[in-house]
Amino acid sequence: MAERKAPKVKEKLDPESEAWKQLPWRKFEQHVFRIQKRIYRASQRGDTRTVQRLQKLLMKSEAARLLAVRRVTQDNQGKKTAGVDGVKNLKPQQRKQVAQRIHPKQWPQKAKPVRRVFIPKPGKSEKRGLGIPTRDERARQCLGKLALEPEWEARFEVNSYGFRASPLLSRCYRSHLPRHW
């Protein structure tokens, strides 16, 4: 019986994959969150110059760029969806190159075209068009989202919960509970 079991030998990852895994992701997230908090507070004060300066700082930050690439290539649900360039999976070295390419100074004047896919409408025989951008473009969009989200989160109404990035359910429940208890 012992001969039938598969050997419990761990496969060694290549050094690039190991280096990508060993990056200090928690520190990157803390760094980005700290800048986002500063953007949020400056937006609440109405200090637009500081908001723009901090957004620029966040967009140029290597931590934010690496996080954006990680979200697009590993965390998102559509991580294996190819754009018009046909790229589905990226190796760790390619991910680092994407992080370098999405620096705002390297952005092209015009975005690349999207891949058009037609998907069925629910309950109908019609189809609607869906544009799928390239991997680099998705990473740029994610980076922009990291910079813009805190500014607009500060401007939303307190009791507005539709189309929010991360509406806290506890706040929603507390605002709708009767106050007699």
N, C-alpha and C. Protein backbone atom coordinates (compact mmCIF):
# COMPACT_ATOMS: atom_id res chain seq x y z
N MET A 1 0.82 -1.19 0.00
CA MET A 1 0.00 0.00 0.00
C MET A 1 0.86 1.26 0.00
N ALA A 2 1.98 1.21 0.70
CA ALA A 2 2.85 2.38 0.80
C ALA A 2 3.48 2.72 -0.55
N GLU A 3 3.67 1.69 -1.42
CA GLU A 3 4.29 1.97 -2.71
C GLU A 3 3.37 2.74 -3.64
N ARG A 4 2.08 2.66 -3.42
CA ARG A 4 1.11 3.30 -4.32
C ARG A 4 0.99 4.80 -4.11
N LYS A 5 1.28 5.26 -2.94
CA LYS A 5 1.10 6.68 -2.65
C LYS A 5 2.11 7.52 -3.42
N ALA A 6 1.66 8.68 -3.81
CA ALA A 6 2.54 9.59 -4.54
C ALA A 6 3.59 10.15 -3.59
N PRO A 7 4.78 10.33 -4.08
CA PRO A 7 5.83 10.88 -3.21
C PRO A 7 5.51 12.33 -2.83
N LYS A 8 5.85 12.69 -1.61
CA LYS A 8 5.57 14.04 -1.12
C LYS A 8 6.80 14.92 -1.29
N VAL A 9 7.18 15.10 -2.53
CA VAL A 9 8.34 15.92 -2.85
C VAL A 9 7.83 17.26 -3.38
N LYS A 10 8.30 18.34 -2.78
CA LYS A 10 7.90 19.66 -3.24
C LYS A 10 8.70 20.03 -4.49
N GLU A 11 7.98 20.53 -5.48
CA GLU A 11 8.66 20.98 -6.68
C GLU A 11 9.30 22.34 -6.41
N LYS A 12 10.51 22.51 -6.86
CA LYS A 12 11.19 23.78 -6.68
C LYS A 12 10.72 24.75 -7.77
N LEU A 13 10.39 25.96 -7.34
CA LEU A 13 9.99 27.00 -8.28
C LEU A 13 11.24 27.65 -8.87
N ASP A 14 11.07 28.21 -10.04
CA ASP A 14 12.22 28.91 -10.62
C ASP A 14 12.51 30.17 -9.79
N PRO A 15 13.73 30.67 -9.85
CA PRO A 15 14.12 31.81 -9.01
C PRO A 15 13.27 33.06 -9.25
N GLU A 16 12.80 33.27 -10.48
CA GLU A 16 11.97 34.44 -10.77
C GLU A 16 10.65 34.36 -10.02
N SER A 17 10.00 33.19 -10.06
CA SER A 17 8.74 33.01 -9.36
C SER A 17 8.92 33.17 -7.86
N GLU A 18 10.01 32.63 -7.37
CA GLU A 18 10.30 32.72 -5.94
C GLU A 18 10.52 34.18 -5.54
N ALA A 19 11.23 34.93 -6.37
CA ALA A 19 11.48 36.35 -6.09
C ALA A 19 10.17 37.15 -6.10
N TRP A 20 9.27 36.82 -7.03
CA TRP A 20 7.98 37.52 -7.11
C TRP A 20 7.16 37.22 -5.86
N LYS A 21 7.18 35.96 -5.40
CA LYS A 21 6.43 35.59 -4.20
C LYS A 21 7.00 36.24 -2.95
N GLN A 22 8.32 36.43 -2.93
CA GLN A 22 8.99 36.96 -1.75
C GLN A 22 8.92 38.48 -1.63
N LEU A 23 8.33 39.16 -2.61
CA LEU A 23 8.20 40.62 -2.51
C LEU A 23 7.37 40.95 -1.28
N PRO A 24 7.66 42.06 -0.61
CA PRO A 24 6.93 42.41 0.63
C PRO A 24 5.54 42.99 0.32
N TRP A 25 4.60 42.14 -0.05
CA TRP A 25 3.28 42.59 -0.49
C TRP A 25 2.53 43.35 0.59
N ARG A 26 2.64 42.90 1.84
CA ARG A 26 1.92 43.58 2.93
C ARG A 26 2.45 45.01 3.09
N LYS A 27 3.77 45.17 2.99
CA LYS A 27 4.35 46.52 3.08
C LYS A 27 3.88 47.39 1.93
N PHE A 28 3.80 46.80 0.73
CA PHE A 28 3.31 47.56 -0.42
C PHE A 28 1.88 48.03 -0.18
N GLU A 29 1.03 47.12 0.31
CA GLU A 29 -0.37 47.47 0.58
C GLU A 29 -0.47 48.56 1.64
N GLN A 30 0.36 48.47 2.68
CA GLN A 30 0.34 49.49 3.72
C GLN A 30 0.79 50.84 3.17
N HIS A 31 1.82 50.83 2.34
CA HIS A 31 2.32 52.07 1.75
C HIS A 31 1.25 52.73 0.88
N VAL A 32 0.61 51.94 0.04
CA VAL A 32 -0.44 52.47 -0.84
C VAL A 32 -1.62 52.97 -0.01
N PHE A 33 -2.00 52.22 1.01
CA PHE A 33 -3.13 52.61 1.85
C PHE A 33 -2.83 53.92 2.58
N ARG A 34 -1.58 54.09 3.03
CA ARG A 34 -1.20 55.32 3.72
C ARG A 34 -1.35 56.53 2.80
N ILE A 35 -0.91 56.39 1.56
CA ILE A 35 -1.05 57.51 0.61
C ILE A 35 -2.53 57.73 0.28
N GLN A 36 -3.30 56.64 0.14
CA GLN A 36 -4.73 56.78 -0.13
C GLN A 36 -5.44 57.50 1.01
N LYS A 37 -5.03 57.21 2.24
CA LYS A 37 -5.61 57.89 3.39
C LYS A 37 -5.32 59.39 3.34
N ARG A 38 -4.11 59.73 2.94
CA ARG A 38 -3.76 61.15 2.82
C ARG A 38 -4.57 61.82 1.72
N ILE A 39 -4.81 61.12 0.62
CA ILE A 39 -5.64 61.66 -0.46
C ILE A 39 -7.06 61.89 0.05
N TYR A 40 -7.58 60.92 0.79
CA TYR A 40 -8.94 61.01 1.33
C TYR A 40 -9.08 62.24 2.23
N ARG A 41 -8.13 62.42 3.14
CA ARG A 41 -8.20 63.55 4.09
C ARG A 41 -8.06 64.89 3.37
N ALA A 42 -7.16 64.95 2.40
CA ALA A 42 -6.98 66.19 1.64
C ALA A 42 -8.24 66.51 0.84
N SER A 43 -8.90 65.50 0.32
CA SER A 43 -10.15 65.71 -0.42
C SER A 43 -11.26 66.19 0.50
N GLN A 44 -11.29 65.67 1.71
CA GLN A 44 -12.30 66.13 2.68
C GLN A 44 -12.07 67.59 3.05
N ARG A 45 -10.79 68.00 3.14
CA ARG A 45 -10.47 69.39 3.46
C ARG A 45 -10.73 70.32 2.29
N GLY A 46 -10.81 69.75 1.08
CA GLY A 46 -11.00 70.57 -0.11
C GLY A 46 -9.68 71.07 -0.69
N ASP A 47 -8.59 70.46 -0.33
CA ASP A 47 -7.26 70.86 -0.78
C ASP A 47 -6.93 70.13 -2.08
N THR A 48 -7.38 70.68 -3.21
CA THR A 48 -7.23 69.99 -4.49
C THR A 48 -5.77 69.89 -4.94
N ARG A 49 -4.97 70.88 -4.61
CA ARG A 49 -3.56 70.84 -5.01
C ARG A 49 -2.85 69.66 -4.34
N THR A 50 -3.11 69.48 -3.06
CA THR A 50 -2.50 68.36 -2.33
C THR A 50 -3.02 67.04 -2.86
N VAL A 51 -4.32 66.97 -3.16
CA VAL A 51 -4.91 65.74 -3.70
C VAL A 51 -4.21 65.36 -5.00
N GLN A 52 -4.05 66.32 -5.90
CA GLN A 52 -3.40 66.04 -7.18
C GLN A 52 -1.94 65.63 -7.01
N ARG A 53 -1.25 66.28 -6.08
CA ARG A 53 0.16 65.96 -5.83
C ARG A 53 0.28 64.54 -5.27
N LEU A 54 -0.61 64.18 -4.35
CA LEU A 54 -0.56 62.84 -3.76
C LEU A 54 -0.97 61.76 -4.77
N GLN A 55 -1.92 62.08 -5.63
CA GLN A 55 -2.31 61.13 -6.67
C GLN A 55 -1.16 60.87 -7.63
N LYS A 56 -0.44 61.93 -7.96
CA LYS A 56 0.73 61.79 -8.83
C LYS A 56 1.79 60.93 -8.14
N LEU A 57 1.99 61.17 -6.85
CA LEU A 57 2.95 60.38 -6.07
C LEU A 57 2.56 58.90 -6.06
N LEU A 58 1.28 58.64 -5.87
CA LEU A 58 0.80 57.26 -5.84
C LEU A 58 0.96 56.57 -7.19
N MET A 59 0.67 57.29 -8.26
CA MET A 59 0.77 56.69 -9.60
C MET A 59 2.22 56.36 -9.96
N LYS A 60 3.16 57.14 -9.44
CA LYS A 60 4.58 56.89 -9.74
C LYS A 60 5.20 55.88 -8.78
N SER A 61 4.52 55.59 -7.69
CA SER A 61 5.04 54.69 -6.67
C SER A 61 5.20 53.27 -7.22
N GLU A 62 6.35 52.67 -6.98
CA GLU A 62 6.59 51.31 -7.46
C GLU A 62 5.68 50.32 -6.74
N ALA A 63 5.40 50.58 -5.47
CA ALA A 63 4.52 49.68 -4.70
C ALA A 63 3.13 49.64 -5.33
N ALA A 64 2.60 50.80 -5.70
CA ALA A 64 1.27 50.86 -6.31
C ALA A 64 1.27 50.18 -7.68
N ARG A 65 2.33 50.37 -8.44
CA ARG A 65 2.41 49.76 -9.77
C ARG A 65 2.48 48.24 -9.66
N LEU A 66 3.28 47.74 -8.72
CA LEU A 66 3.37 46.29 -8.53
C LEU A 66 2.05 45.72 -8.04
N LEU A 67 1.36 46.43 -7.14
CA LEU A 67 0.05 45.97 -6.67
C LEU A 67 -0.97 45.94 -7.80
N ALA A 68 -0.95 46.95 -8.66
CA ALA A 68 -1.88 47.00 -9.79
C ALA A 68 -1.64 45.81 -10.71
N VAL A 69 -0.38 45.51 -11.00
CA VAL A 69 -0.06 44.37 -11.87
C VAL A 69 -0.49 43.08 -11.21
N ARG A 70 -0.27 42.95 -9.91
CA ARG A 70 -0.65 41.73 -9.20
C ARG A 70 -2.17 41.52 -9.24
N ARG A 71 -2.92 42.61 -9.03
CA ARG A 71 -4.38 42.48 -9.05
C ARG A 71 -4.88 42.06 -10.42
N VAL A 72 -4.28 42.61 -11.46
CA VAL A 72 -4.73 42.31 -12.82
C VAL A 72 -4.32 40.91 -13.26
N THR A 73 -3.11 40.49 -12.88
CA THR A 73 -2.59 39.22 -13.39
C THR A 73 -2.84 38.03 -12.48
N GLN A 74 -3.14 38.27 -11.18
CA GLN A 74 -3.29 37.15 -10.26
C GLN A 74 -4.58 37.16 -9.46
N ASP A 75 -5.05 38.33 -9.04
CA ASP A 75 -6.19 38.39 -8.13
C ASP A 75 -7.54 38.50 -8.81
N ASN A 76 -7.62 39.22 -9.91
CA ASN A 76 -8.90 39.47 -10.57
C ASN A 76 -9.52 38.21 -11.15
N GLN A 77 -10.85 38.24 -11.28
CA GLN A 77 -11.57 37.10 -11.84
C GLN A 77 -11.22 36.91 -13.32
N GLY A 78 -10.97 37.99 -14.04
CA GLY A 78 -10.65 37.90 -15.46
C GLY A 78 -9.17 37.82 -15.75
N LYS A 79 -8.41 37.24 -14.83
CA LYS A 79 -6.95 37.22 -14.99
C LYS A 79 -6.49 36.40 -16.18
N LYS A 80 -7.28 35.44 -16.64
CA LYS A 80 -6.87 34.60 -17.77
C LYS A 80 -7.54 35.03 -19.08
N THR A 81 -8.17 36.21 -19.08
CA THR A 81 -8.83 36.70 -20.28
C THR A 81 -7.82 37.51 -21.10
N ALA A 82 -7.64 37.12 -22.33
CA ALA A 82 -6.67 37.79 -23.20
C ALA A 82 -7.31 39.00 -23.87
N GLY A 83 -6.52 40.03 -24.05
CA GLY A 83 -6.96 41.20 -24.79
C GLY A 83 -6.66 41.01 -26.26
N VAL A 84 -6.56 42.12 -27.00
CA VAL A 84 -6.30 42.05 -28.43
C VAL A 84 -4.88 41.54 -28.69
N ASP A 85 -3.99 41.68 -27.70
CA ASP A 85 -2.61 41.20 -27.88
C ASP A 85 -2.48 39.69 -27.70
N GLY A 86 -3.51 39.03 -27.18
CA GLY A 86 -3.52 37.57 -27.05
C GLY A 86 -2.76 37.04 -25.85
N VAL A 87 -2.29 37.89 -24.95
CA VAL A 87 -1.52 37.45 -23.79
C VAL A 87 -2.48 37.03 -22.68
N LYS A 88 -2.33 35.77 -22.22
CA LYS A 88 -3.17 35.27 -21.13
C LYS A 88 -2.42 35.21 -19.82
N ASN A 89 -1.30 34.53 -19.80
CA ASN A 89 -0.52 34.38 -18.58
C ASN A 89 0.79 35.13 -18.71
N LEU A 90 1.25 35.65 -17.58
CA LEU A 90 2.53 36.34 -17.56
C LEU A 90 3.44 35.68 -16.54
N LYS A 91 4.70 35.55 -16.89
CA LYS A 91 5.69 35.03 -15.96
C LYS A 91 6.12 36.18 -15.05
N PRO A 92 6.71 35.87 -13.90
CA PRO A 92 7.09 36.92 -12.96
C PRO A 92 7.98 38.01 -13.57
N GLN A 93 8.91 37.64 -14.41
CA GLN A 93 9.78 38.64 -15.03
C GLN A 93 8.95 39.56 -15.93
N GLN A 94 7.97 39.00 -16.63
CA GLN A 94 7.11 39.81 -17.49
C GLN A 94 6.23 40.73 -16.65
N ARG A 95 5.81 40.25 -15.47
CA ARG A 95 5.01 41.10 -14.58
C ARG A 95 5.81 42.32 -14.14
N LYS A 96 7.08 42.11 -13.83
CA LYS A 96 7.93 43.24 -13.42
C LYS A 96 8.11 44.22 -14.58
N GLN A 97 8.21 43.71 -15.80
CA GLN A 97 8.32 44.58 -16.96
C GLN A 97 7.04 45.39 -17.16
N VAL A 98 5.90 44.77 -16.93
CA VAL A 98 4.62 45.49 -17.04
C VAL A 98 4.57 46.60 -16.00
N ALA A 99 5.04 46.30 -14.78
CA ALA A 99 5.06 47.32 -13.72
C ALA A 99 5.93 48.50 -14.12
N GLN A 100 7.01 48.25 -14.85
CA GLN A 100 7.85 49.35 -15.34
C GLN A 100 7.14 50.11 -16.46
N ARG A 101 6.44 49.38 -17.33
CA ARG A 101 5.76 50.02 -18.48
C ARG A 101 4.56 50.86 -18.08
N ILE A 102 3.96 50.58 -16.93
CA ILE A 102 2.76 51.35 -16.56
C ILE A 102 3.09 52.61 -15.77
N HIS A 103 4.38 52.95 -15.69
CA HIS A 103 4.76 54.22 -15.07
C HIS A 103 4.15 55.33 -15.93
N PRO A 104 3.55 56.35 -15.31
CA PRO A 104 2.87 57.41 -16.09
C PRO A 104 3.73 58.06 -17.17
N LYS A 105 5.04 58.13 -16.98
CA LYS A 105 5.90 58.74 -18.01
C LYS A 105 6.01 57.86 -19.25
N GLN A 106 5.70 56.58 -19.12
CA GLN A 106 5.82 55.65 -20.24
C GLN A 106 4.48 55.41 -20.94
N TRP A 107 3.44 56.08 -20.50
CA TRP A 107 2.13 55.86 -21.12
C TRP A 107 2.13 56.37 -22.54
N PRO A 108 1.52 55.61 -23.45
CA PRO A 108 1.42 56.08 -24.84
C PRO A 108 0.37 57.19 -24.95
N GLN A 109 0.43 57.93 -26.03
CA GLN A 109 -0.53 59.01 -26.24
C GLN A 109 -1.95 58.46 -26.44
N LYS A 110 -2.03 57.27 -27.02
CA LYS A 110 -3.33 56.69 -27.33
C LYS A 110 -3.35 55.25 -26.85
N ALA A 111 -4.46 54.84 -26.25
CA ALA A 111 -4.58 53.47 -25.75
C ALA A 111 -4.70 52.49 -26.92
N LYS A 112 -4.27 51.25 -26.68
CA LYS A 112 -4.38 50.21 -27.71
C LYS A 112 -5.85 49.83 -27.89
N PRO A 113 -6.21 49.29 -29.05
CA PRO A 113 -7.60 48.89 -29.27
C PRO A 113 -7.99 47.71 -28.38
N VAL A 114 -9.29 47.58 -28.14
CA VAL A 114 -9.79 46.50 -27.31
C VAL A 114 -10.25 45.33 -28.16
N ARG A 115 -10.26 44.14 -27.58
CA ARG A 115 -10.78 42.97 -28.28
C ARG A 115 -12.29 42.97 -28.08
N ARG A 116 -13.02 42.85 -29.14
CA ARG A 116 -14.48 42.90 -29.09
C ARG A 116 -15.04 41.49 -29.04
N VAL A 117 -15.84 41.22 -28.01
CA VAL A 117 -16.49 39.92 -27.85
C VAL A 117 -17.97 40.19 -27.67
N PHE A 118 -18.80 39.40 -28.32
CA PHE A 118 -20.24 39.58 -28.18
C PHE A 118 -20.79 38.52 -27.24
N ILE A 119 -21.48 38.99 -26.21
CA ILE A 119 -22.04 38.08 -25.20
C ILE A 119 -23.55 38.21 -25.21
N PRO A 120 -24.28 37.12 -24.89
CA PRO A 120 -25.74 37.19 -24.93
C PRO A 120 -26.31 38.03 -23.80
N LYS A 121 -27.39 38.75 -24.12
CA LYS A 121 -28.10 39.50 -23.09
C LYS A 121 -28.95 38.52 -22.28
N PRO A 122 -29.07 38.74 -20.99
CA PRO A 122 -29.87 37.80 -20.18
C PRO A 122 -31.34 37.83 -20.57
N GLY A 123 -31.89 36.67 -20.85
CA GLY A 123 -33.31 36.54 -21.17
C GLY A 123 -33.68 36.93 -22.58
N LYS A 124 -32.71 37.23 -23.42
CA LYS A 124 -33.00 37.63 -24.80
C LYS A 124 -32.07 36.89 -25.74
N SER A 125 -32.45 36.89 -27.01
CA SER A 125 -31.59 36.23 -28.00
C SER A 125 -30.56 37.21 -28.58
N GLU A 126 -30.67 38.49 -28.21
CA GLU A 126 -29.73 39.49 -28.71
C GLU A 126 -28.37 39.33 -28.02
N LYS A 127 -27.37 39.92 -28.65
CA LYS A 127 -26.03 39.92 -28.05
C LYS A 127 -25.56 41.36 -27.94
N ARG A 128 -24.72 41.61 -26.94
CA ARG A 128 -24.16 42.94 -26.77
C ARG A 128 -22.64 42.86 -26.83
N GLY A 129 -22.03 43.94 -27.27
CA GLY A 129 -20.58 43.96 -27.41
C GLY A 129 -19.88 44.20 -26.08
N LEU A 130 -18.76 43.55 -25.90
CA LEU A 130 -17.94 43.71 -24.70
C LEU A 130 -16.51 43.93 -25.16
N GLY A 131 -15.90 45.03 -24.76
CA GLY A 131 -14.52 45.33 -25.13
C GLY A 131 -13.56 44.86 -24.04
N ILE A 132 -12.58 44.07 -24.40
CA ILE A 132 -11.60 43.57 -23.44
C ILE A 132 -10.26 44.23 -23.73
N PRO A 133 -9.78 45.09 -22.82
CA PRO A 133 -8.50 45.76 -23.06
C PRO A 133 -7.31 44.82 -22.86
N THR A 134 -6.14 45.26 -23.29
CA THR A 134 -4.92 44.48 -23.12
C THR A 134 -4.53 44.45 -21.64
N ARG A 135 -3.62 43.57 -21.32
CA ARG A 135 -3.18 43.40 -19.93
C ARG A 135 -2.54 44.70 -19.41
N ASP A 136 -1.70 45.34 -20.21
CA ASP A 136 -1.06 46.59 -19.79
C ASP A 136 -2.09 47.68 -19.53
N GLU A 137 -3.08 47.74 -20.40
CA GLU A 137 -4.12 48.76 -20.25
C GLU A 137 -4.94 48.52 -18.98
N ARG A 138 -5.22 47.26 -18.69
CA ARG A 138 -5.95 46.94 -17.45
C ARG A 138 -5.13 47.32 -16.22
N ALA A 139 -3.82 47.12 -16.29
CA ALA A 139 -2.95 47.50 -15.16
C ALA A 139 -2.94 49.02 -15.00
N ARG A 140 -2.92 49.76 -16.11
CA ARG A 140 -2.97 51.22 -16.03
C ARG A 140 -4.29 51.68 -15.42
N GLN A 141 -5.39 51.02 -15.81
CA GLN A 141 -6.69 51.37 -15.27
C GLN A 141 -6.76 51.09 -13.77
N CYS A 142 -6.17 49.99 -13.35
CA CYS A 142 -6.15 49.64 -11.93
C CYS A 142 -5.33 50.65 -11.14
N LEU A 143 -4.22 51.09 -11.71
CA LEU A 143 -3.38 52.10 -11.07
C LEU A 143 -4.14 53.42 -10.94
N GLY A 144 -4.85 53.79 -12.00
CA GLY A 144 -5.67 55.00 -11.94
C GLY A 144 -6.77 54.89 -10.90
N LYS A 145 -7.34 53.71 -10.79
CA LYS A 145 -8.39 53.48 -9.79
C LYS A 145 -7.84 53.63 -8.37
N LEU A 146 -6.63 53.11 -8.15
CA LEU A 146 -6.00 53.24 -6.83
C LEU A 146 -5.83 54.72 -6.45
N ALA A 147 -5.55 55.56 -7.44
CA ALA A 147 -5.32 56.97 -7.17
C ALA A 147 -6.61 57.78 -7.06
N LEU A 148 -7.62 57.45 -7.86
CA LEU A 148 -8.85 58.25 -7.91
C LEU A 148 -9.89 57.87 -6.85
N GLU A 149 -9.90 56.61 -6.47
CA GLU A 149 -10.94 56.12 -5.57
C GLU A 149 -11.03 56.88 -4.24
N PRO A 150 -9.91 57.13 -3.53
CA PRO A 150 -10.04 57.81 -2.24
C PRO A 150 -10.58 59.24 -2.36
N GLU A 151 -10.25 59.92 -3.45
CA GLU A 151 -10.76 61.28 -3.63
C GLU A 151 -12.28 61.27 -3.74
N TRP A 152 -12.81 60.36 -4.52
CA TRP A 152 -14.26 60.34 -4.73
C TRP A 152 -14.98 59.70 -3.56
N GLU A 153 -14.33 58.81 -2.85
CA GLU A 153 -14.94 58.21 -1.67
C GLU A 153 -15.22 59.30 -0.63
N ALA A 154 -14.34 60.29 -0.54
CA ALA A 154 -14.52 61.40 0.41
C ALA A 154 -15.67 62.31 -0.01
N ARG A 155 -15.98 62.36 -1.29
CA ARG A 155 -17.04 63.25 -1.79
C ARG A 155 -18.43 62.63 -1.76
N PHE A 156 -18.52 61.31 -1.65
CA PHE A 156 -19.83 60.67 -1.65
C PHE A 156 -20.63 61.02 -0.41
N GLU A 157 -21.93 60.92 -0.53
CA GLU A 157 -22.80 61.10 0.63
C GLU A 157 -22.58 59.95 1.60
N VAL A 158 -22.82 60.20 2.87
CA VAL A 158 -22.59 59.19 3.90
C VAL A 158 -23.53 58.00 3.72
N ASN A 159 -24.78 58.26 3.34
CA ASN A 159 -25.77 57.19 3.23
C ASN A 159 -25.94 56.69 1.80
N SER A 160 -24.98 56.93 0.93
CA SER A 160 -25.04 56.44 -0.44
C SER A 160 -24.28 55.13 -0.54
N TYR A 161 -24.96 54.06 -0.97
CA TYR A 161 -24.31 52.75 -1.01
C TYR A 161 -24.28 52.13 -2.40
N GLY A 162 -24.92 52.73 -3.39
CA GLY A 162 -24.93 52.16 -4.72
C GLY A 162 -23.65 52.48 -5.47
N PHE A 163 -23.10 51.50 -6.17
CA PHE A 163 -21.91 51.64 -7.00
C PHE A 163 -20.70 52.15 -6.24
N ARG A 164 -20.59 51.80 -4.98
CA ARG A 164 -19.42 52.17 -4.19
C ARG A 164 -18.40 51.05 -4.30
N ALA A 165 -17.14 51.40 -4.17
CA ALA A 165 -16.07 50.40 -4.28
C ALA A 165 -16.14 49.40 -3.13
N SER A 166 -16.29 49.90 -1.91
CA SER A 166 -16.35 48.99 -0.77
C SER A 166 -17.32 49.52 0.27
N PRO A 167 -18.60 49.42 0.01
CA PRO A 167 -19.55 49.91 0.99
C PRO A 167 -19.55 49.00 2.21
N LEU A 168 -19.41 49.58 3.36
CA LEU A 168 -19.40 48.77 4.56
C LEU A 168 -20.84 48.45 4.95
N LEU A 169 -21.15 47.18 5.02
CA LEU A 169 -22.51 46.77 5.34
C LEU A 169 -22.90 47.18 6.74
N SER A 170 -21.94 47.21 7.65
CA SER A 170 -22.27 47.59 9.02
C SER A 170 -22.80 49.02 9.07
N ARG A 171 -22.17 49.92 8.27
CA ARG A 171 -22.67 51.30 8.22
C ARG A 171 -24.07 51.34 7.63
N CYS A 172 -24.29 50.53 6.61
CA CYS A 172 -25.59 50.48 5.95
C CYS A 172 -26.66 50.01 6.93
N TYR A 173 -26.35 48.93 7.65
CA TYR A 173 -27.32 48.40 8.61
C TYR A 173 -27.58 49.39 9.73
N ARG A 174 -26.52 50.01 10.25
CA ARG A 174 -26.68 50.95 11.36
C ARG A 174 -27.52 52.14 10.95
N SER A 175 -27.38 52.61 9.72
CA SER A 175 -28.12 53.80 9.30
C SER A 175 -29.60 53.50 9.08
N HIS A 176 -29.96 52.21 8.90
CA HIS A 176 -31.35 51.86 8.64
C HIS A 176 -32.05 51.19 9.82
N LEU A 177 -31.33 51.00 10.90
CA LEU A 177 -31.93 50.37 12.08
C LEU A 177 -32.79 51.39 12.83
N PRO A 178 -33.87 50.91 13.46
CA PRO A 178 -34.64 51.83 14.29
C PRO A 178 -33.82 52.27 15.51
N ARG A 179 -34.03 53.50 15.96
CA ARG A 179 -33.19 54.05 17.03
C ARG A 179 -33.77 53.82 18.42
N HIS A 180 -34.83 53.05 18.56
CA HIS A 180 -35.46 52.88 19.86
C HIS A 180 -34.73 51.88 20.75
N TRP A 181 -33.74 51.22 20.29
CA TRP A 181 -33.02 50.28 21.14
C TRP A 181 -31.61 50.56 21.09
